[in-house]
Amino acid sequence: MPPASILAMVWRGWRTGAVAGVAILAAICASGPEQPEVVRAASDLGPLPADRYTLTTQDYQRSQQASALLVRQCMADRGHRDFPLDPRLPSDPIVGTAVATDYGVLDPDTARRWGYGWDPALHPSPLPKGRRMTSAEYADWPACSADASRDLMRGINLTRDWLYAGRRAIEVDKAVEGDPRLRAAWDVWSRCVVAQGFTRYPDPVAAYTDTAWQRGSDGNTRHTQRERATAVADVTCKQRHHTAEVWHTVLAQKQAADIARHGDRYTAGLTALRTYRGHLDEVLRKLD
């Protein structure tokens, strides 16, 4: 999976028996939504109940665009008439990219070629493309950035409603980690990986985030032979034992239960998200 701005939770599992995992897999096959025969991406597993309450990739991209337009307008008002939409800072910062793991690596072709990383040609540097700010521009830029944020977030209670689902995800994830069905599925997957001659990991994300892969500041790995071979064994075991399907089902059930338990708060969070999207629409319509 390519780098992402949203940091995924790092999961840790425990060992247990495999009976519960088999039971939930039977339930998936009997009554779950139709899924592709081979899962190659998290999207193949279908949506999750909390998805509608969270920012999408499109939301993020549109927010970046809207914020840049507001900042440029503000900078023009302060006398900086040719301020770029995507400016570089006076000096480049150290770039650290969070890596979204979801269910770990799922695609066998990616595992075979790139291990736990990705093709760098398909994911260019996240550094801004515009020219560097001048010292005078940089002096005014923080205030304009703050103004843009306030404009986009107006009418939204940041401490109570904003991204409520994201805050609840921490507790939901803890419940998922402790679910005996998932712990059983992880145990089966772990023993499968070991049987192929590789390191015993407690769960797939532990394999994905192993420091042995020596990720760089962009989040990508070295793609060594050992890394690629481990990733292939990882994916093979996931497909053989339907690990991602069990994981997805447990997560969906925990999310649905949490939404039912805190329905009013999720609804308020969704209202805040829709308000924010409305502000994005307004800015992009007027300034784009």
C-alpha atoms as a PDB file:
ATOM      1  CA  MET A   1       0.000   0.000   0.000  1.00  0.00           C
ATOM      2  CA  PRO A   2       1.324   3.488  -0.880  1.00  0.00           C
ATOM      3  CA  PRO A   3       2.080   6.174   1.724  1.00  0.00           C
ATOM      4  CA  ALA A   4      -0.884   7.893   3.262  1.00  0.00           C
ATOM      5  CA  SER A   5      -1.410  10.913   5.446  1.00  0.00           C
ATOM      6  CA  ILE A   6      -3.574   9.104   7.861  1.00  0.00           C
ATOM      7  CA  LEU A   7      -1.631   6.912  10.309  1.00  0.00           C
ATOM      8  CA  ALA A   8      -3.171   3.465  10.697  1.00  0.00           C
ATOM      9  CA  MET A   9      -3.343   1.810  14.073  1.00  0.00           C
ATOM     10  CA  VAL A  10      -0.501  -0.634  14.830  1.00  0.00           C
ATOM     11  CA  TRP A  11      -2.137  -3.849  15.904  1.00  0.00           C
ATOM     12  CA  ARG A  12      -0.802  -6.418  18.331  1.00  0.00           C
ATOM     13  CA  GLY A  13      -2.375  -9.819  18.780  1.00  0.00           C
ATOM     14  CA  TRP A  14      -2.332 -12.682  21.267  1.00  0.00           C
ATOM     15  CA  ARG A  15      -2.223 -16.424  20.736  1.00  0.00           C
ATOM     16  CA  THR A  16      -5.325 -18.525  21.085  1.00  0.00           C
ATOM     17  CA  GLY A  17      -7.073 -21.511  19.513  1.00  0.00           C
ATOM     18  CA  ALA A  18      -8.424 -21.617  15.949  1.00  0.00           C
ATOM     19  CA  VAL A  19     -11.983 -22.840  16.506  1.00  0.00           C
ATOM     20  CA  ALA A  20     -13.539 -19.370  16.754  1.00  0.00           C
ATOM     21  CA  GLY A  21     -11.814 -18.258  13.553  1.00  0.00           C
ATOM     22  CA  VAL A  22     -13.261 -21.203  11.671  1.00  0.00           C
ATOM     23  CA  ALA A  23     -16.725 -20.412  13.038  1.00  0.00           C
ATOM     24  CA  ILE A  24     -16.693 -16.801  11.917  1.00  0.00           C
ATOM     25  CA  LEU A  25     -15.333 -17.763   8.505  1.00  0.00           C
ATOM     26  CA  ALA A  26     -18.293 -20.097   8.066  1.00  0.00           C
ATOM     27  CA  ALA A  27     -20.602 -17.203   8.936  1.00  0.00           C
ATOM     28  CA  ILE A  28     -18.906 -14.980   6.354  1.00  0.00           C
ATOM     29  CA  CYS A  29     -19.354 -17.575   3.640  1.00  0.00           C
ATOM     30  CA  ALA A  30     -22.980 -18.165   4.583  1.00  0.00           C
ATOM     31  CA  SER A  31     -24.302 -14.649   5.060  1.00  0.00           C
ATOM     32  CA  GLY A  32     -21.656 -11.986   4.359  1.00  0.00           C
ATOM     33  CA  PRO A  33     -21.633  -9.613   1.376  1.00  0.00           C
ATOM     34  CA  GLU A  34     -20.357 -11.002  -1.884  1.00  0.00           C
ATOM     35  CA  GLN A  35     -16.588 -10.610  -2.128  1.00  0.00           C
ATOM     36  CA  PRO A  36     -14.030 -11.417  -4.842  1.00  0.00           C
ATOM     37  CA  GLU A  37     -12.569 -14.908  -4.758  1.00  0.00           C
ATOM     38  CA  VAL A  38      -9.116 -13.455  -4.047  1.00  0.00           C
ATOM     39  CA  VAL A  39      -8.769 -10.323  -1.904  1.00  0.00           C
ATOM     40  CA  ARG A  40      -6.048  -8.084  -3.319  1.00  0.00           C
ATOM     41  CA  ALA A  41      -6.916  -4.785  -1.623  1.00  0.00           C
ATOM     42  CA  ALA A  42      -8.821  -3.606   1.428  1.00  0.00           C
ATOM     43  CA  SER A  43     -11.479  -2.168  -0.884  1.00  0.00           C
ATOM     44  CA  ASP A  44     -12.258  -5.704  -2.085  1.00  0.00           C
ATOM     45  CA  LEU A  45     -13.665  -6.443   1.373  1.00  0.00           C
ATOM     46  CA  GLY A  46     -16.381  -3.806   1.064  1.00  0.00           C
ATOM     47  CA  PRO A  47     -17.251  -0.712   3.122  1.00  0.00           C
ATOM     48  CA  LEU A  48     -17.192  -0.493   6.898  1.00  0.00           C
ATOM     49  CA  PRO A  49     -19.995   1.034   9.026  1.00  0.00           C
ATOM     50  CA  ALA A  50     -17.811   3.938  10.205  1.00  0.00           C
ATOM     51  CA  ASP A  51     -16.727   4.928   6.700  1.00  0.00           C
ATOM     52  CA  ARG A  52     -19.572   7.409   6.222  1.00  0.00           C
ATOM     53  CA  TYR A  53     -18.539   9.273   9.370  1.00  0.00           C
ATOM     54  CA  THR A  54     -14.912   9.827   8.365  1.00  0.00           C
ATOM     55  CA  LEU A  55     -12.973  11.975   5.917  1.00  0.00           C
ATOM     56  CA  THR A  56     -12.371  10.370   2.556  1.00  0.00           C
ATOM     57  CA  THR A  57      -9.300  10.694   0.366  1.00  0.00           C
ATOM     58  CA  GLN A  58     -11.336  13.026  -1.853  1.00  0.00           C
ATOM     59  CA  ASP A  59     -12.245  15.154   1.187  1.00  0.00           C
ATOM     60  CA  TYR A  60      -8.568  15.498   2.036  1.00  0.00           C
ATOM     61  CA  GLN A  61      -7.596  16.432  -1.502  1.00  0.00           C
ATOM     62  CA  ARG A  62     -10.385  19.005  -1.730  1.00  0.00           C
ATOM     63  CA  SER A  63      -9.468  20.456   1.668  1.00  0.00           C
ATOM     64  CA  GLN A  64      -5.878  20.910   0.533  1.00  0.00           C
ATOM     65  CA  GLN A  65      -7.075  22.676  -2.594  1.00  0.00           C
ATOM     66  CA  ALA A  66      -9.564  24.905  -0.750  1.00  0.00           C
ATOM     67  CA  SER A  67      -7.033  25.832   1.926  1.00  0.00           C
ATOM     68  CA  ALA A  68      -4.441  26.729  -0.711  1.00  0.00           C
ATOM     69  CA  LEU A  69      -6.931  29.000  -2.476  1.00  0.00           C
ATOM     70  CA  LEU A  70      -7.865  30.772   0.765  1.00  0.00           C
ATOM     71  CA  VAL A  71      -4.226  31.223   1.712  1.00  0.00           C
ATOM     72  CA  ARG A  72      -3.379  32.636  -1.711  1.00  0.00           C
ATOM     73  CA  GLN A  73      -6.254  35.124  -1.441  1.00  0.00           C
ATOM     74  CA  CYS A  74      -5.143  36.167   2.038  1.00  0.00           C
ATOM     75  CA  MET A  75      -1.543  36.551   0.915  1.00  0.00           C
ATOM     76  CA  ALA A  76      -2.652  38.690  -2.024  1.00  0.00           C
ATOM     77  CA  ASP A  77      -4.577  40.930   0.398  1.00  0.00           C
ATOM     78  CA  ARG A  78      -1.300  41.333   2.311  1.00  0.00           C
ATOM     79  CA  GLY A  79       0.539  42.428  -0.819  1.00  0.00           C
ATOM     80  CA  HIS A  80       1.929  39.108  -2.077  1.00  0.00           C
ATOM     81  CA  ARG A  81       0.253  39.087  -5.468  1.00  0.00           C
ATOM     82  CA  ASP A  82       1.992  36.096  -7.044  1.00  0.00           C
ATOM     83  CA  PHE A  83       1.966  33.708  -4.087  1.00  0.00           C
ATOM     84  CA  PRO A  84       1.941  30.097  -5.401  1.00  0.00           C
ATOM     85  CA  LEU A  85      -0.761  27.565  -4.590  1.00  0.00           C
ATOM     86  CA  ASP A  86       1.765  24.928  -3.528  1.00  0.00           C
ATOM     87  CA  PRO A  87       4.715  26.845  -2.067  1.00  0.00           C
ATOM     88  CA  ARG A  88       7.874  25.408  -0.610  1.00  0.00           C
ATOM     89  CA  LEU A  89       9.107  26.635   2.736  1.00  0.00           C
ATOM     90  CA  PRO A  90      12.284  28.736   2.811  1.00  0.00           C
ATOM     91  CA  SER A  91      14.143  25.535   3.747  1.00  0.00           C
ATOM     92  CA  ASP A  92      12.906  22.005   3.120  1.00  0.00           C
ATOM     93  CA  PRO A  93      11.824  20.094   6.245  1.00  0.00           C
ATOM     94  CA  ILE A  94      12.631  16.448   6.918  1.00  0.00           C
ATOM     95  CA  VAL A  95       9.747  14.521   5.380  1.00  0.00           C
ATOM     96  CA  GLY A  96       8.301  11.629   7.356  1.00  0.00           C
ATOM     97  CA  THR A  97       5.448   9.718   5.766  1.00  0.00           C
ATOM     98  CA  ALA A  98       2.960   7.729   7.782  1.00  0.00           C
ATOM     99  CA  VAL A  99       2.218   4.354   6.253  1.00  0.00           C
ATOM    100  CA  ALA A 100      -1.353   3.106   6.182  1.00  0.00           C
ATOM    101  CA  THR A 101      -1.395  -0.627   6.745  1.00  0.00           C
ATOM    102  CA  ASP A 102      -5.080  -1.608   6.835  1.00  0.00           C
ATOM    103  CA  TYR A 103      -4.770  -5.425   6.829  1.00  0.00           C
ATOM    104  CA  GLY A 104      -1.125  -5.441   5.823  1.00  0.00           C
ATOM    105  CA  VAL A 105      -0.057  -6.330   2.300  1.00  0.00           C
ATOM    106  CA  LEU A 106      -2.775  -8.197   0.376  1.00  0.00           C
ATOM    107  CA  ASP A 107      -1.773  -8.195  -3.276  1.00  0.00           C
ATOM    108  CA  PRO A 108       0.512 -11.114  -4.252  1.00  0.00           C
ATOM    109  CA  ASP A 109       2.009  -9.247  -7.211  1.00  0.00           C
ATOM    110  CA  THR A 110       2.947  -6.283  -5.019  1.00  0.00           C
ATOM    111  CA  ALA A 111       4.418  -8.634  -2.417  1.00  0.00           C
ATOM    112  CA  ARG A 112       6.458 -10.451  -5.037  1.00  0.00           C
ATOM    113  CA  ARG A 113       7.884  -7.271  -6.608  1.00  0.00           C
ATOM    114  CA  TRP A 114       7.944  -4.687  -3.813  1.00  0.00           C
ATOM    115  CA  GLY A 115       7.654  -6.635  -0.548  1.00  0.00           C
ATOM    116  CA  TYR A 116       6.142  -4.323   2.058  1.00  0.00           C
ATOM    117  CA  GLY A 117       6.842  -1.217  -0.002  1.00  0.00           C
ATOM    118  CA  TRP A 118       5.759   0.131  -3.379  1.00  0.00           C
ATOM    119  CA  ASP A 119       6.998   1.298  -6.769  1.00  0.00           C
ATOM    120  CA  PRO A 120       8.568   4.723  -6.109  1.00  0.00           C
ATOM    121  CA  ALA A 121       7.830   5.791  -9.688  1.00  0.00           C
ATOM    122  CA  LEU A 122       4.100   5.596  -8.974  1.00  0.00           C
ATOM    123  CA  HIS A 123       4.324   7.625  -5.753  1.00  0.00           C
ATOM    124  CA  PRO A 124       6.425  10.755  -6.258  1.00  0.00           C
ATOM    125  CA  SER A 125       7.836  12.949  -3.522  1.00  0.00           C
ATOM    126  CA  PRO A 126       5.199  14.710  -1.370  1.00  0.00           C
ATOM    127  CA  LEU A 127       7.269  17.909  -1.332  1.00  0.00           C
ATOM    128  CA  PRO A 128       5.441  20.993  -2.705  1.00  0.00           C
ATOM    129  CA  LYS A 129       5.805  21.707  -6.418  1.00  0.00           C
ATOM    130  CA  GLY A 130       5.767  25.518  -6.244  1.00  0.00           C
ATOM    131  CA  ARG A 131       8.629  27.938  -5.740  1.00  0.00           C
ATOM    132  CA  ARG A 132      10.076  28.752  -2.347  1.00  0.00           C
ATOM    133  CA  MET A 133       8.443  31.447  -0.268  1.00  0.00           C
ATOM    134  CA  THR A 134      10.381  34.640   0.211  1.00  0.00           C
ATOM    135  CA  SER A 135      11.220  35.741   3.742  1.00  0.00           C
ATOM    136  CA  ALA A 136       8.509  38.404   3.549  1.00  0.00           C
ATOM    137  CA  GLU A 137       5.920  35.866   2.397  1.00  0.00           C
ATOM    138  CA  TYR A 138       6.924  33.417   5.083  1.00  0.00           C
ATOM    139  CA  ALA A 139       6.374  36.064   7.739  1.00  0.00           C
ATOM    140  CA  ASP A 140       2.693  36.409   6.701  1.00  0.00           C
ATOM    141  CA  TRP A 141       1.998  32.827   5.728  1.00  0.00           C
ATOM    142  CA  PRO A 142       1.267  31.377   9.228  1.00  0.00           C
ATOM    143  CA  ALA A 143      -1.467  33.957   9.879  1.00  0.00           C
ATOM    144  CA  CYS A 144      -3.055  33.299   6.496  1.00  0.00           C
ATOM    145  CA  SER A 145      -2.947  29.541   7.083  1.00  0.00           C
ATOM    146  CA  ALA A 146      -4.669  29.994  10.449  1.00  0.00           C
ATOM    147  CA  ASP A 147      -7.313  32.208   8.851  1.00  0.00           C
ATOM    148  CA  ALA A 148      -7.981  29.580   6.182  1.00  0.00           C
ATOM    149  CA  SER A 149      -8.431  26.871   8.815  1.00  0.00           C
ATOM    150  CA  ARG A 150     -10.855  29.015  10.806  1.00  0.00           C
ATOM    151  CA  ASP A 151     -12.855  29.760   7.664  1.00  0.00           C
ATOM    152  CA  LEU A 152     -13.195  26.096   6.718  1.00  0.00           C
ATOM    153  CA  MET A 153     -14.021  25.014  10.281  1.00  0.00           C
ATOM    154  CA  ARG A 154     -16.506  27.762  11.141  1.00  0.00           C
ATOM    155  CA  GLY A 155     -19.643  26.570  12.905  1.00  0.00           C
ATOM    156  CA  ILE A 156     -18.027  23.235  13.852  1.00  0.00           C
ATOM    157  CA  ASN A 157     -17.416  22.196  17.462  1.00  0.00           C
ATOM    158  CA  LEU A 158     -13.841  20.944  17.244  1.00  0.00           C
ATOM    159  CA  THR A 159     -13.657  19.406  20.706  1.00  0.00           C
ATOM    160  CA  ARG A 160     -17.012  17.618  20.644  1.00  0.00           C
ATOM    161  CA  ASP A 161     -18.101  16.797  17.088  1.00  0.00           C
ATOM    162  CA  TRP A 162     -15.176  17.100  14.690  1.00  0.00           C
ATOM    163  CA  LEU A 163     -13.872  13.690  13.565  1.00  0.00           C
ATOM    164  CA  TYR A 164     -15.712  11.943  16.400  1.00  0.00           C
ATOM    165  CA  ALA A 165     -15.544   8.615  14.571  1.00  0.00           C
ATOM    166  CA  GLY A 166     -11.773   8.928  14.362  1.00  0.00           C
ATOM    167  CA  ARG A 167     -11.500   9.423  18.104  1.00  0.00           C
ATOM    168  CA  ARG A 168     -13.790   6.461  18.785  1.00  0.00           C
ATOM    169  CA  ALA A 169     -11.687   4.317  16.452  1.00  0.00           C
ATOM    170  CA  ILE A 170      -9.038   4.066  19.168  1.00  0.00           C
ATOM    171  CA  GLU A 171     -11.464   2.305  21.504  1.00  0.00           C
ATOM    172  CA  VAL A 172     -13.010   0.245  18.716  1.00  0.00           C
ATOM    173  CA  ASP A 173      -9.572  -0.929  17.639  1.00  0.00           C
ATOM    174  CA  LYS A 174      -8.806  -2.078  21.175  1.00  0.00           C
ATOM    175  CA  ALA A 175     -11.997  -4.141  21.166  1.00  0.00           C
ATOM    176  CA  VAL A 176     -11.073  -5.633  17.791  1.00  0.00           C
ATOM    177  CA  GLU A 177      -7.583  -6.534  19.002  1.00  0.00           C
ATOM    178  CA  GLY A 178      -9.027  -8.438  21.941  1.00  0.00           C
ATOM    179  CA  ASP A 179     -11.692 -10.324  20.012  1.00  0.00           C
ATOM    180  CA  PRO A 180     -11.006 -14.075  20.294  1.00  0.00           C
ATOM    181  CA  ARG A 181     -12.091 -14.685  16.696  1.00  0.00           C
ATOM    182  CA  LEU A 182      -9.443 -12.346  15.332  1.00  0.00           C
ATOM    183  CA  ARG A 183      -6.814 -13.574  17.754  1.00  0.00           C
ATOM    184  CA  ALA A 184      -7.506 -17.092  16.498  1.00  0.00           C
ATOM    185  CA  ALA A 185      -7.211 -15.958  12.878  1.00  0.00           C
ATOM    186  CA  TRP A 186      -3.917 -14.215  13.593  1.00  0.00           C
ATOM    187  CA  ASP A 187      -2.589 -17.319  15.326  1.00  0.00           C
ATOM    188  CA  VAL A 188      -3.419 -19.508  12.320  1.00  0.00           C
ATOM    189  CA  TRP A 189      -1.815 -16.966   9.980  1.00  0.00           C
ATOM    190  CA  SER A 190       1.303 -16.719  12.180  1.00  0.00           C
ATOM    191  CA  ARG A 191       1.834 -20.484  12.286  1.00  0.00           C
ATOM    192  CA  CYS A 192       1.385 -20.622   8.525  1.00  0.00           C
ATOM    193  CA  VAL A 193       4.119 -18.015   7.972  1.00  0.00           C
ATOM    194  CA  VAL A 194       6.489 -19.871  10.319  1.00  0.00           C
ATOM    195  CA  ALA A 195       5.782 -23.141   8.508  1.00  0.00           C
ATOM    196  CA  GLN A 196       7.123 -21.502   5.334  1.00  0.00           C
ATOM    197  CA  GLY A 197      10.401 -20.709   7.077  1.00  0.00           C
ATOM    198  CA  PHE A 198       9.901 -17.120   8.175  1.00  0.00           C
ATOM    199  CA  THR A 199       9.788 -15.097  11.389  1.00  0.00           C
ATOM    200  CA  ARG A 200       6.945 -15.637  13.841  1.00  0.00           C
ATOM    201  CA  TYR A 201       4.905 -12.435  13.977  1.00  0.00           C
ATOM    202  CA  PRO A 202       1.917 -11.935  16.302  1.00  0.00           C
ATOM    203  CA  ASP A 203      -0.156 -10.403  13.488  1.00  0.00           C
ATOM    204  CA  PRO A 204       0.148  -9.182   9.879  1.00  0.00           C
ATOM    205  CA  VAL A 205       0.834  -5.561  10.801  1.00  0.00           C
ATOM    206  CA  ALA A 206       3.827  -6.644  12.887  1.00  0.00           C
ATOM    207  CA  ALA A 207       5.196  -8.190   9.691  1.00  0.00           C
ATOM    208  CA  TYR A 208       4.377  -5.078   7.683  1.00  0.00           C
ATOM    209  CA  THR A 209       6.076  -2.729  10.162  1.00  0.00           C
ATOM    210  CA  ASP A 210       9.135  -4.888  10.932  1.00  0.00           C
ATOM    211  CA  THR A 211      12.126  -2.534  11.288  1.00  0.00           C
ATOM    212  CA  ALA A 212      14.201  -5.061   9.355  1.00  0.00           C
ATOM    213  CA  TRP A 213      12.695  -3.598   6.169  1.00  0.00           C
ATOM    214  CA  GLN A 214      14.488  -0.287   6.894  1.00  0.00           C
ATOM    215  CA  ARG A 215      11.850   2.152   5.711  1.00  0.00           C
ATOM    216  CA  GLY A 216      13.175   5.508   4.558  1.00  0.00           C
ATOM    217  CA  SER A 217      11.784   8.960   5.327  1.00  0.00           C
ATOM    218  CA  ASP A 218       9.259   8.474   2.519  1.00  0.00           C
ATOM    219  CA  GLY A 219       7.955   5.285   4.158  1.00  0.00           C
ATOM    220  CA  ASN A 220       9.202   2.984   1.410  1.00  0.00           C
ATOM    221  CA  THR A 221      11.301  -0.125   2.067  1.00  0.00           C
ATOM    222  CA  ARG A 222      14.509  -1.573   0.591  1.00  0.00           C
ATOM    223  CA  HIS A 223      12.676  -4.397  -1.255  1.00  0.00           C
ATOM    224  CA  THR A 224      15.292  -6.954  -0.233  1.00  0.00           C
ATOM    225  CA  GLN A 225      14.952 -10.606  -1.221  1.00  0.00           C
ATOM    226  CA  ARG A 226      14.147 -11.584   2.375  1.00  0.00           C
ATOM    227  CA  GLU A 227      11.519  -8.856   2.649  1.00  0.00           C
ATOM    228  CA  ARG A 228       9.852  -9.857  -0.605  1.00  0.00           C
ATOM    229  CA  ALA A 229       9.880 -13.541   0.282  1.00  0.00           C
ATOM    230  CA  THR A 230       8.353 -12.786   3.699  1.00  0.00           C
ATOM    231  CA  ALA A 231       5.636 -10.652   2.093  1.00  0.00           C
ATOM    232  CA  VAL A 232       4.771 -13.433  -0.361  1.00  0.00           C
ATOM    233  CA  ALA A 233       4.447 -15.937   2.500  1.00  0.00           C
ATOM    234  CA  ASP A 234       2.347 -13.368   4.404  1.00  0.00           C
ATOM    235  CA  VAL A 235      -0.087 -12.912   1.506  1.00  0.00           C
ATOM    236  CA  THR A 236      -0.213 -16.636   0.767  1.00  0.00           C
ATOM    237  CA  CYS A 237      -1.225 -17.370   4.357  1.00  0.00           C
ATOM    238  CA  LYS A 238      -3.811 -14.586   4.392  1.00  0.00           C
ATOM    239  CA  GLN A 239      -5.420 -15.974   1.260  1.00  0.00           C
ATOM    240  CA  ARG A 240      -5.220 -19.580   2.411  1.00  0.00           C
ATOM    241  CA  HIS A 241      -6.864 -18.883   5.778  1.00  0.00           C
ATOM    242  CA  HIS A 242      -9.049 -15.851   4.841  1.00  0.00           C
ATOM    243  CA  THR A 243      -7.361 -13.734   7.489  1.00  0.00           C
ATOM    244  CA  ALA A 244      -8.395 -10.367   6.060  1.00  0.00           C
ATOM    245  CA  GLU A 245     -12.004 -11.479   5.716  1.00  0.00           C
ATOM    246  CA  VAL A 246     -12.185 -12.471   9.388  1.00  0.00           C
ATOM    247  CA  TRP A 247     -10.454  -9.239  10.396  1.00  0.00           C
ATOM    248  CA  HIS A 248     -12.826  -7.128   8.317  1.00  0.00           C
ATOM    249  CA  THR A 249     -15.892  -8.864   9.707  1.00  0.00           C
ATOM    250  CA  VAL A 250     -14.832  -8.401  13.327  1.00  0.00           C
ATOM    251  CA  LEU A 251     -14.020  -4.742  12.704  1.00  0.00           C
ATOM    252  CA  ALA A 252     -17.381  -4.166  11.000  1.00  0.00           C
ATOM    253  CA  GLN A 253     -19.246  -5.740  13.918  1.00  0.00           C
ATOM    254  CA  LYS A 254     -17.360  -3.680  16.513  1.00  0.00           C
ATOM    255  CA  GLN A 255     -17.918  -0.464  14.569  1.00  0.00           C
ATOM    256  CA  ALA A 256     -21.631  -1.159  14.142  1.00  0.00           C
ATOM    257  CA  ALA A 257     -22.007  -1.826  17.869  1.00  0.00           C
ATOM    258  CA  ASP A 258     -20.165   1.379  18.758  1.00  0.00           C
ATOM    259  CA  ILE A 259     -22.296   3.438  16.374  1.00  0.00           C
ATOM    260  CA  ALA A 260     -25.464   1.981  17.908  1.00  0.00           C
ATOM    261  CA  ARG A 261     -24.161   2.741  21.409  1.00  0.00           C
ATOM    262  CA  HIS A 262     -23.157   6.347  20.635  1.00  0.00           C
ATOM    263  CA  GLY A 263     -25.590   7.147  17.855  1.00  0.00           C
ATOM    264  CA  ASP A 264     -26.230  10.780  18.800  1.00  0.00           C
ATOM    265  CA  ARG A 265     -22.542  11.594  18.904  1.00  0.00           C
ATOM    266  CA  TYR A 266     -21.851   9.890  15.561  1.00  0.00           C
ATOM    267  CA  THR A 267     -24.768  11.794  14.031  1.00  0.00           C
ATOM    268  CA  ALA A 268     -23.385  15.087  15.351  1.00  0.00           C
ATOM    269  CA  GLY A 269     -19.998  14.176  13.922  1.00  0.00           C
ATOM    270  CA  LEU A 270     -21.578  13.441  10.543  1.00  0.00           C
ATOM    271  CA  THR A 271     -23.345  16.816  10.630  1.00  0.00           C
ATOM    272  CA  ALA A 272     -19.997  18.504  11.315  1.00  0.00           C
ATOM    273  CA  LEU A 273     -18.416  16.618   8.417  1.00  0.00           C
ATOM    274  CA  ARG A 274     -21.212  17.696   6.073  1.00  0.00           C
ATOM    275  CA  THR A 275     -20.826  21.299   7.235  1.00  0.00           C
ATOM    276  CA  TYR A 276     -17.132  21.098   6.444  1.00  0.00           C
ATOM    277  CA  ARG A 277     -17.831  19.676   2.999  1.00  0.00           C
ATOM    278  CA  GLY A 278     -20.249  22.528   2.391  1.00  0.00           C
ATOM    279  CA  HIS A 279     -17.506  25.021   3.221  1.00  0.00           C
ATOM    280  CA  LEU A 280     -15.190  23.249   0.800  1.00  0.00           C
ATOM    281  CA  ASP A 281     -17.854  23.431  -1.924  1.00  0.00           C
ATOM    282  CA  GLU A 282     -18.297  27.159  -1.312  1.00  0.00           C
ATOM    283  CA  VAL A 283     -14.598  27.976  -1.452  1.00  0.00           C
ATOM    284  CA  LEU A 284     -13.934  25.853  -4.530  1.00  0.00           C
ATOM    285  CA  ARG A 285     -16.943  27.338  -6.314  1.00  0.00           C
ATOM    286  CA  LYS A 286     -15.871  30.931  -5.631  1.00  0.00           C
ATOM    287  CA  LEU A 287     -12.106  30.782  -5.891  1.00  0.00           C
ATOM    288  CA  ASP A 288     -11.147  27.846  -8.094  1.00  0.00           C
END
